[in-house]
Amino acid sequence: MAEFEAVQGRVQLANASAGGSTVAPQGLHVYLDVPPRGQFRFQHFVIEHRNGAALLVPADGSGGTARFDADYSYWCLWSTQALSGVGSTWGEVAGFGYPLLARWERQSGGRFQLVLPNTRDVQMRMYNMTGQSDAAVAAFHANAVDFYQKLHVRLVFSDPVFSAPPSTHSGPWTLDFTPDVHLSENGQRITPNFGDRQWSRGTNANTVMGIWVRNVLHAGLTHGLAVPVLPIVSRRTLTAGFRFPSCAIVFLEHNHAGAMKHELGHVLQADCGWGRDGVTAAGRQSRVMQYLSGLKLEERSVRPRGSHVFNRLFRRLHAPSTEGQQRDYFDNLRQNSPSAFLLQDRQAMANPHLVQNLMNASGGTHLLPWQVAVMRDAPQLR
C-alpha cells in the first residue's frame, strides 16, 4: 500500500498552550483538505509510526499517492477518534470545531515537517465597572469561552477573575459614542489612563484588557468597543483623551452575552479586520497582502502575492449584512478572483457564514476561512 507522506515523513502535533511540537501520536485521525485547490475536499488519514517517523496513511486502505507541497498550508482537523460530518464543505465539525491550518516548518538540512495545530491561549485581564456583582458579570464570559473553543483558543482569566481598579474609580461606567467616544462615571466625563501601572500591571503582548461597563450609548447595533493592536496599519486612536495600554483593550456592555466574543473578534483579526477600505486608506495594502501571502493559502502564480485573500476581507470593520453590502462583496470577488477560487467562496458562504457572521454588527457565530486563519495567527495567542 502506498503511503501519503508529508515531506521527509515528518508529521508533528503542536503542544497545547505552549511552544514547540511533538511527533504526532500513533493512531491519530487526521483530515486534510488536499488538492485540487479551489474547493474543500477533506481526506481522512491515520498516523502510523515507522522507523521513528509519523506517516499519514489513508484511513480507508485505498492506497495511492498524494503530493504535499510545502508552499501551501492545509486546512485540517484531527482527533483520537474518527470524526463524523467531515465532507466537502466549510463549517464546524462536531468533536473538533472549525478546520484549522496545518503549517510547514523548515528543519535543518532542508527538511520540512507538517505541524498540526493545537490549543492556543490568550490572557484576559478583566475589570468590572458595571456596579453589579463580580459573579453576575463573570457569568457573561461563558458565551465567549464556548465560542473560542471552536477555534481551539482558550481564554485564560486571572484568579480572581476581576482585577481591582484604581481607588479613584468605582463605577458604574457608561461608554457613549456621542458627540465623540467617551467614558462617564456617575454622569461625569472621565479620561482614565489605561497605560498607567495601576491598570496595566501584569499585561503584555499576549494580554487583552477587558472592561465591562453598565451601558453603551449611541453605538447602533454594537454593544462594545475594541481597540486592537494593529502592527501594520498602526494603532487605532480615539479623540476622547483615552490613554491606552500597550495591549489590546475591549469595552463590553453588561447584559449582552455576545459582546465579548464579537469585540475579541476585532482584536484577533487585527489589521485584516480593519477592512479593505481602512487598510487601503492607511497606505498599508501591500504590507497586509505580504502578511496574507505568508499564510500560504494561494496558488504560487497569484500576483500580487496575498491579493486573492485580501479581496476576501470585509470592506469595512463589520461583515456585510444588507443585501446591497453582500452584493458589493461578491461583485468584488468576481472582479478580482479566478473562478476556481470563487467555488470555494460559494461553498464557505452557502450556509449563513456571511449574514450571521461573528463580525456582523448585530452579532453572529459563523466564520469564513480567512477569519479563522488570521485569528489563529493573532499576536495575542501563545
Protein backbone atom coordinates (compact mmCIF):
# COMPACT_ATOMS: atom_id res chain seq x y z
CA MET A 1 0.00 0.00 0.00
CA ALA A 2 1.41 3.38 -0.96
CA GLU A 3 1.65 5.90 1.85
CA PHE A 4 0.63 9.52 1.90
CA GLU A 5 3.70 11.20 3.32
CA ALA A 6 4.46 14.71 4.35
CA VAL A 7 7.89 15.94 3.25
CA GLN A 8 10.50 13.63 4.78
CA GLY A 9 7.68 11.69 6.51
CA ARG A 10 7.53 14.12 9.45
CA VAL A 11 4.14 15.00 10.99
CA GLN A 12 4.14 16.83 14.30
CA LEU A 13 1.39 17.91 16.71
CA ALA A 14 1.80 21.36 18.24
CA ASN A 15 1.98 21.41 22.02
CA ALA A 16 -1.20 22.78 23.56
CA SER A 17 -0.82 26.23 25.15
CA ALA A 18 2.96 26.12 24.71
CA GLY A 19 5.61 26.42 22.06
CA GLY A 20 7.14 23.63 20.07
CA SER A 21 5.67 20.34 18.92
CA THR A 22 5.99 16.59 19.38
CA VAL A 23 5.66 13.65 17.00
CA ALA A 24 2.01 13.12 16.10
CA PRO A 25 0.77 10.12 18.12
CA GLN A 26 0.15 6.71 16.63
CA GLY A 27 -3.46 6.21 15.52
CA LEU A 28 -4.35 9.91 15.39
CA HIS A 29 -7.10 10.58 12.84
CA VAL A 30 -6.18 13.49 10.56
CA TYR A 31 -8.38 15.13 7.92
CA LEU A 32 -6.58 17.28 5.36
CA ASP A 33 -8.00 19.50 2.63
CA VAL A 34 -5.91 18.01 -0.19
CA PRO A 35 -5.56 19.25 -3.80
CA PRO A 36 -7.08 20.19 -6.15
CA ARG A 37 -7.20 23.62 -4.54
CA GLY A 38 -10.19 25.87 -5.03
CA GLN A 39 -12.72 23.58 -3.37
CA PHE A 40 -12.86 21.89 0.03
CA ARG A 41 -12.11 18.19 -0.15
CA PHE A 42 -11.08 16.72 3.19
CA GLN A 43 -9.38 13.35 3.05
CA HIS A 44 -9.14 11.01 6.03
CA PHE A 45 -5.72 9.75 7.18
CA VAL A 46 -4.39 7.91 10.21
CA ILE A 47 -0.96 8.48 11.74
CA GLU A 48 1.28 5.43 11.62
CA HIS A 49 4.75 5.30 13.18
CA ARG A 50 7.53 3.69 11.16
CA ASN A 51 11.24 4.00 11.83
CA GLY A 52 10.67 6.92 14.19
CA ALA A 53 8.65 8.92 11.66
CA ALA A 54 4.93 9.72 11.72
CA LEU A 55 3.35 8.84 8.38
CA LEU A 56 -0.06 9.80 7.00
CA VAL A 57 -1.75 6.61 5.81
CA PRO A 58 -5.17 6.62 4.06
CA ALA A 59 -7.78 5.56 6.59
CA ASP A 60 -9.76 3.58 4.00
CA GLY A 61 -6.76 1.48 2.98
CA SER A 62 -7.19 2.53 -0.64
CA GLY A 63 -3.52 3.26 -1.22
CA GLY A 64 -2.48 5.69 -3.90
CA THR A 65 -0.22 8.70 -3.65
CA ALA A 66 -0.61 12.36 -2.78
CA ARG A 67 1.81 15.24 -3.10
CA PHE A 68 2.17 17.53 -0.11
CA ASP A 69 3.63 20.84 -1.17
CA ALA A 70 5.44 22.92 1.46
CA ASP A 71 4.44 26.06 -0.45
CA TYR A 72 0.87 25.64 0.85
CA SER A 73 -0.85 25.40 4.21
CA TYR A 74 -3.52 22.72 4.62
CA TRP A 75 -6.87 23.03 6.34
CA CYS A 76 -7.11 20.17 8.80
CA LEU A 77 -9.00 18.54 11.64
CA TRP A 78 -7.69 15.83 13.94
CA SER A 79 -8.97 13.61 16.73
CA THR A 80 -8.09 10.47 18.64
CA GLN A 81 -11.36 9.05 17.30
CA ALA A 82 -12.81 9.18 13.79
CA LEU A 83 -14.95 12.28 13.24
CA SER A 84 -18.34 12.25 11.56
CA GLY A 85 -19.66 15.01 9.37
CA VAL A 86 -16.33 15.83 7.66
CA GLY A 87 -17.07 16.37 4.00
CA SER A 88 -16.51 18.82 1.18
CA THR A 89 -17.99 21.99 2.67
CA TRP A 90 -16.76 24.63 5.08
CA GLY A 91 -18.11 24.74 8.63
CA GLU A 92 -17.93 23.44 12.16
CA VAL A 93 -17.43 19.74 12.73
CA ALA A 94 -18.76 18.08 15.89
CA GLY A 95 -15.92 16.97 18.12
CA PHE A 96 -13.42 19.49 16.74
CA GLY A 97 -14.85 22.86 15.68
CA TYR A 98 -13.70 24.84 12.67
CA PRO A 99 -10.92 23.46 10.44
CA LEU A 100 -7.54 24.98 11.30
CA LEU A 101 -4.39 25.46 9.26
CA ALA A 102 -1.60 22.89 9.42
CA ARG A 103 1.66 24.71 8.66
CA TRP A 104 5.04 23.65 7.39
CA GLU A 105 8.23 24.25 9.38
CA ARG A 106 11.65 24.12 7.75
CA GLN A 107 14.16 21.94 9.58
CA SER A 108 17.92 21.64 9.30
CA GLY A 109 19.17 20.00 6.13
CA GLY A 110 16.36 21.49 4.05
CA ARG A 111 13.74 19.16 5.50
CA PHE A 112 10.20 20.17 6.39
CA GLN A 113 7.73 18.95 8.96
CA LEU A 114 3.96 19.40 8.85
CA VAL A 115 2.75 20.73 12.22
CA LEU A 116 -0.87 20.04 13.13
CA PRO A 117 -2.48 22.91 15.10
CA ASN A 118 -3.44 22.71 18.76
CA THR A 119 -4.95 24.87 21.50
CA ARG A 120 -3.54 28.38 21.96
CA ASP A 121 -4.10 30.75 24.89
CA VAL A 122 -4.95 34.41 25.25
CA GLN A 123 -4.60 36.04 28.68
CA MET A 124 -7.61 38.11 29.78
CA ARG A 125 -7.27 40.91 32.33
CA MET A 126 -10.78 41.92 33.33
CA TYR A 127 -12.32 44.87 35.17
CA ASN A 128 -15.90 45.14 36.38
CA MET A 129 -17.08 48.75 36.11
CA THR A 130 -20.81 47.96 35.93
CA GLY A 131 -21.79 48.45 39.57
CA GLN A 132 -23.02 44.84 39.57
CA SER A 133 -21.52 41.91 41.46
CA ASP A 134 -18.44 40.19 40.03
CA ALA A 135 -20.27 36.86 39.94
CA ALA A 136 -23.14 38.28 37.92
CA VAL A 137 -20.83 39.85 35.35
CA ALA A 138 -18.46 36.87 35.11
CA ALA A 139 -21.39 34.72 34.03
CA PHE A 140 -21.30 36.55 30.67
CA HIS A 141 -17.84 35.15 29.93
CA ALA A 142 -19.20 31.67 29.20
CA ASN A 143 -20.57 32.65 25.79
CA ALA A 144 -17.15 33.78 24.55
CA VAL A 145 -15.32 30.87 26.19
CA ASP A 146 -17.57 28.36 24.42
CA PHE A 147 -17.29 30.13 21.07
CA TYR A 148 -13.48 30.34 21.00
CA GLN A 149 -13.17 26.70 21.94
CA LYS A 150 -14.38 26.07 18.37
CA LEU A 151 -11.12 27.70 17.23
CA HIS A 152 -9.07 25.84 19.86
CA VAL A 153 -8.41 29.19 21.55
CA ARG A 154 -8.56 29.21 25.35
CA LEU A 155 -9.46 32.40 27.23
CA VAL A 156 -7.35 32.42 30.39
CA PHE A 157 -8.73 34.55 33.21
CA SER A 158 -6.90 35.67 36.32
CA ASP A 159 -7.72 34.42 39.80
CA PRO A 160 -9.76 36.27 40.97
CA VAL A 161 -11.37 36.92 37.58
CA PHE A 162 -11.62 40.69 38.06
CA SER A 163 -8.72 42.93 38.99
CA ALA A 164 -9.24 45.87 41.33
CA PRO A 165 -9.35 49.24 39.53
CA PRO A 166 -7.52 52.27 40.92
CA SER A 167 -9.20 53.63 44.04
CA THR A 168 -10.18 56.78 42.14
CA HIS A 169 -12.68 54.78 40.08
CA SER A 170 -15.59 52.78 41.45
CA GLY A 171 -18.13 52.81 38.59
CA PRO A 172 -20.64 52.37 37.22
CA TRP A 173 -19.26 53.45 33.85
CA THR A 174 -21.07 54.36 30.62
CA LEU A 175 -19.43 54.30 27.20
CA ASP A 176 -21.03 56.89 24.91
CA PHE A 177 -20.37 57.37 21.18
CA THR A 178 -21.96 60.85 21.04
CA PRO A 179 -20.73 63.52 20.40
CA ASP A 180 -17.44 61.60 20.46
CA VAL A 181 -16.37 58.34 22.07
CA HIS A 182 -16.01 58.92 25.80
CA LEU A 183 -16.48 57.35 29.20
CA SER A 184 -18.51 58.72 32.07
CA GLU A 185 -18.75 57.71 35.70
CA ASN A 186 -21.80 58.72 37.72
CA GLY A 187 -22.69 61.21 35.00
CA GLN A 188 -19.24 62.83 34.89
CA ARG A 189 -16.94 62.53 31.86
CA ILE A 190 -13.66 60.79 32.71
CA THR A 191 -10.38 60.19 30.85
CA PRO A 192 -8.62 57.27 32.57
CA ASN A 193 -5.03 56.42 31.72
CA PHE A 194 -5.20 52.69 30.99
CA GLY A 195 -1.47 52.69 30.31
CA ASP A 196 -0.84 53.53 33.95
CA ARG A 197 0.61 50.69 36.01
CA GLN A 198 -2.48 50.65 38.25
CA TRP A 199 -4.49 49.44 35.26
CA SER A 200 -1.95 47.60 33.12
CA ARG A 201 0.31 45.85 35.63
CA GLY A 202 1.00 42.28 34.58
CA THR A 203 -0.11 42.82 30.98
CA ASN A 204 1.99 42.04 27.91
CA ALA A 205 1.59 41.45 24.18
CA ASN A 206 -0.40 38.27 24.90
CA THR A 207 -2.94 40.11 27.06
CA VAL A 208 -6.34 41.55 26.21
CA MET A 209 -7.69 44.03 28.76
CA GLY A 210 -11.46 43.76 29.08
CA ILE A 211 -13.67 46.31 30.82
CA TRP A 212 -17.35 45.64 31.45
CA VAL A 213 -19.42 48.85 31.62
CA ARG A 214 -23.01 49.45 32.68
CA ASN A 215 -24.22 50.89 29.36
CA VAL A 216 -23.07 51.59 25.81
CA LEU A 217 -24.96 54.50 24.28
CA HIS A 218 -25.49 55.68 20.68
CA ALA A 219 -23.46 52.79 19.20
CA GLY A 220 -26.07 51.45 16.80
CA LEU A 221 -26.28 47.66 16.85
CA THR A 222 -22.99 47.10 18.65
CA HIS A 223 -22.61 46.56 22.38
CA GLY A 224 -18.99 47.45 22.92
CA LEU A 225 -15.79 48.83 21.50
CA ALA A 226 -12.49 47.17 20.60
CA VAL A 227 -9.16 48.98 20.38
CA PRO A 228 -6.91 46.33 18.84
CA VAL A 229 -3.17 46.49 18.36
CA LEU A 230 -2.60 46.98 14.63
CA PRO A 231 1.09 46.30 13.92
CA ILE A 232 0.79 47.07 10.18
CA VAL A 233 -1.96 49.68 9.88
CA SER A 234 -0.79 51.34 13.13
CA ARG A 235 -2.71 51.59 16.33
CA ARG A 236 -6.26 52.93 16.38
CA THR A 237 -6.66 56.19 18.30
CA LEU A 238 -9.71 57.99 19.61
CA THR A 239 -10.09 61.70 20.32
CA ALA A 240 -11.57 61.44 23.78
CA GLY A 241 -8.41 61.72 25.84
CA PHE A 242 -8.11 57.98 26.39
CA ARG A 243 -4.65 56.64 27.09
CA PHE A 244 -4.39 53.00 26.17
CA PRO A 245 -2.17 50.21 27.44
CA SER A 246 0.35 48.58 25.12
CA CYS A 247 -2.01 45.60 24.84
CA ALA A 248 -5.40 45.43 23.13
CA ILE A 249 -8.42 46.63 25.09
CA VAL A 250 -12.16 45.95 24.74
CA PHE A 251 -15.14 47.65 26.37
CA LEU A 252 -18.18 45.43 26.87
CA GLU A 253 -21.79 46.26 27.70
CA HIS A 254 -23.27 44.42 30.66
CA ASN A 255 -26.22 42.10 29.98
CA HIS A 256 -25.10 41.36 26.39
CA ALA A 257 -23.66 37.86 26.27
CA GLY A 258 -22.34 38.20 22.71
CA ALA A 259 -20.36 41.38 23.34
CA MET A 260 -17.13 39.70 24.39
CA LYS A 261 -16.83 37.22 21.52
CA HIS A 262 -17.58 39.95 18.96
CA GLU A 263 -15.12 42.51 20.32
CA LEU A 264 -12.43 39.85 20.73
CA GLY A 265 -13.02 39.09 17.06
CA HIS A 266 -11.93 42.65 16.23
CA VAL A 267 -8.81 42.17 18.34
CA LEU A 268 -7.79 38.79 16.90
CA GLN A 269 -8.43 39.84 13.29
CA ALA A 270 -6.09 42.78 13.89
CA ASP A 271 -5.02 44.53 10.66
CA CYS A 272 -7.12 42.25 8.44
CA GLY A 273 -10.21 43.12 10.47
CA TRP A 274 -9.71 46.80 9.70
CA GLY A 275 -11.30 46.16 6.31
CA ARG A 276 -10.07 46.68 2.76
CA ASP A 277 -11.07 50.34 2.74
CA GLY A 278 -9.34 51.09 6.04
CA VAL A 279 -6.14 49.28 5.09
CA THR A 280 -6.01 50.99 1.70
CA ALA A 281 -6.71 54.43 3.19
CA ALA A 282 -3.80 53.89 5.59
CA GLY A 283 -1.49 53.08 2.68
CA ARG A 284 -0.79 49.60 4.04
CA GLN A 285 -2.42 47.41 1.38
CA SER A 286 0.86 45.98 0.07
CA ARG A 287 2.11 45.18 3.58
CA VAL A 288 -1.14 43.47 4.57
CA MET A 289 -1.05 41.46 1.34
CA GLN A 290 2.53 40.47 2.15
CA TYR A 291 1.36 39.20 5.53
CA LEU A 292 -1.54 37.30 3.96
CA SER A 293 0.75 35.66 1.41
CA GLY A 294 2.68 34.18 4.36
CA LEU A 295 -0.41 32.18 5.33
CA LYS A 296 0.16 30.16 2.11
CA LEU A 297 -3.48 29.92 1.09
CA GLU A 298 -3.00 30.95 -2.55
CA GLU A 299 -1.58 29.44 -5.71
CA ARG A 300 2.04 30.38 -6.38
CA SER A 301 1.00 32.16 -9.58
CA VAL A 302 -1.07 34.81 -7.78
CA ARG A 303 0.22 38.34 -8.36
CA PRO A 304 0.48 40.41 -6.36
CA ARG A 305 1.00 37.79 -3.67
CA GLY A 306 -1.69 37.91 -0.99
CA SER A 307 -4.18 39.72 -3.24
CA HIS A 308 -6.68 36.86 -3.50
CA VAL A 309 -7.01 36.60 0.27
CA PHE A 310 -7.02 40.39 0.62
CA ASN A 311 -10.09 40.55 -1.64
CA ARG A 312 -11.91 38.23 0.76
CA LEU A 313 -11.53 40.66 3.64
CA PHE A 314 -14.61 42.65 4.52
CA ARG A 315 -14.75 46.12 3.06
CA ARG A 316 -15.08 47.75 6.47
CA LEU A 317 -14.92 46.77 10.15
CA HIS A 318 -18.06 44.64 10.08
CA ALA A 319 -19.30 41.83 7.89
CA PRO A 320 -21.70 42.84 5.10
CA SER A 321 -25.23 42.37 6.40
CA THR A 322 -27.60 44.10 3.99
CA GLU A 323 -28.41 42.74 0.55
CA GLY A 324 -26.56 45.63 -1.09
CA GLN A 325 -23.44 45.11 1.02
CA GLN A 326 -23.40 41.40 0.24
CA ARG A 327 -23.81 42.08 -3.49
CA ASP A 328 -20.89 44.51 -3.32
CA TYR A 329 -18.79 41.87 -1.53
CA PHE A 330 -19.42 39.20 -4.16
CA ASP A 331 -19.01 41.66 -7.05
CA ASN A 332 -15.53 42.44 -5.72
CA LEU A 333 -14.68 38.73 -5.59
CA ARG A 334 -15.90 38.12 -9.12
CA GLN A 335 -13.82 41.00 -10.43
CA ASN A 336 -10.63 40.16 -8.56
CA SER A 337 -10.58 36.37 -8.08
CA PRO A 338 -10.38 33.47 -10.52
CA SER A 339 -13.40 31.22 -10.91
CA ALA A 340 -11.64 28.29 -9.21
CA PHE A 341 -11.42 30.26 -6.01
CA LEU A 342 -14.97 31.53 -6.30
CA LEU A 343 -16.17 27.93 -6.00
CA GLN A 344 -14.55 27.67 -2.59
CA ASP A 345 -16.03 31.01 -1.59
CA ARG A 346 -19.51 29.84 -2.57
CA GLN A 347 -19.04 26.69 -0.51
CA ALA A 348 -17.98 28.72 2.51
CA MET A 349 -20.90 31.13 2.20
CA ALA A 350 -23.66 28.75 1.17
CA ASN A 351 -24.52 28.48 4.87
CA PRO A 352 -25.10 31.63 6.95
CA HIS A 353 -21.35 32.29 7.33
CA LEU A 354 -21.74 35.79 5.90
CA VAL A 355 -25.14 37.05 7.03
CA GLN A 356 -24.73 35.52 10.51
CA ASN A 357 -21.01 36.20 10.77
CA LEU A 358 -19.29 36.86 14.10
CA MET A 359 -18.34 40.30 12.79
CA ASN A 360 -21.85 41.30 11.78
CA ALA A 361 -22.62 44.44 13.79
CA SER A 362 -25.60 42.73 15.40
CA GLY A 363 -23.52 39.68 16.29
CA GLY A 364 -23.36 36.13 14.98
CA THR A 365 -21.47 32.87 15.32
CA HIS A 366 -20.17 31.96 11.85
CA LEU A 367 -16.67 32.46 10.42
CA LEU A 368 -15.13 32.41 6.95
CA PRO A 369 -11.84 30.64 6.20
CA TRP A 370 -9.71 33.81 6.09
CA GLN A 371 -11.08 34.82 9.51
CA VAL A 372 -10.09 31.52 11.08
CA ALA A 373 -6.63 31.75 9.51
CA VAL A 374 -5.82 35.26 10.75
CA MET A 375 -7.47 34.87 14.18
CA ARG A 376 -5.46 31.73 14.87
CA ASP A 377 -2.34 33.68 13.85
CA ALA A 378 -3.07 36.65 16.13
CA PRO A 379 -0.11 38.03 18.11
CA GLN A 380 -2.11 37.74 21.35
CA LEU A 381 -2.12 33.93 21.13
CA ARG A 382 0.59 31.81 22.65
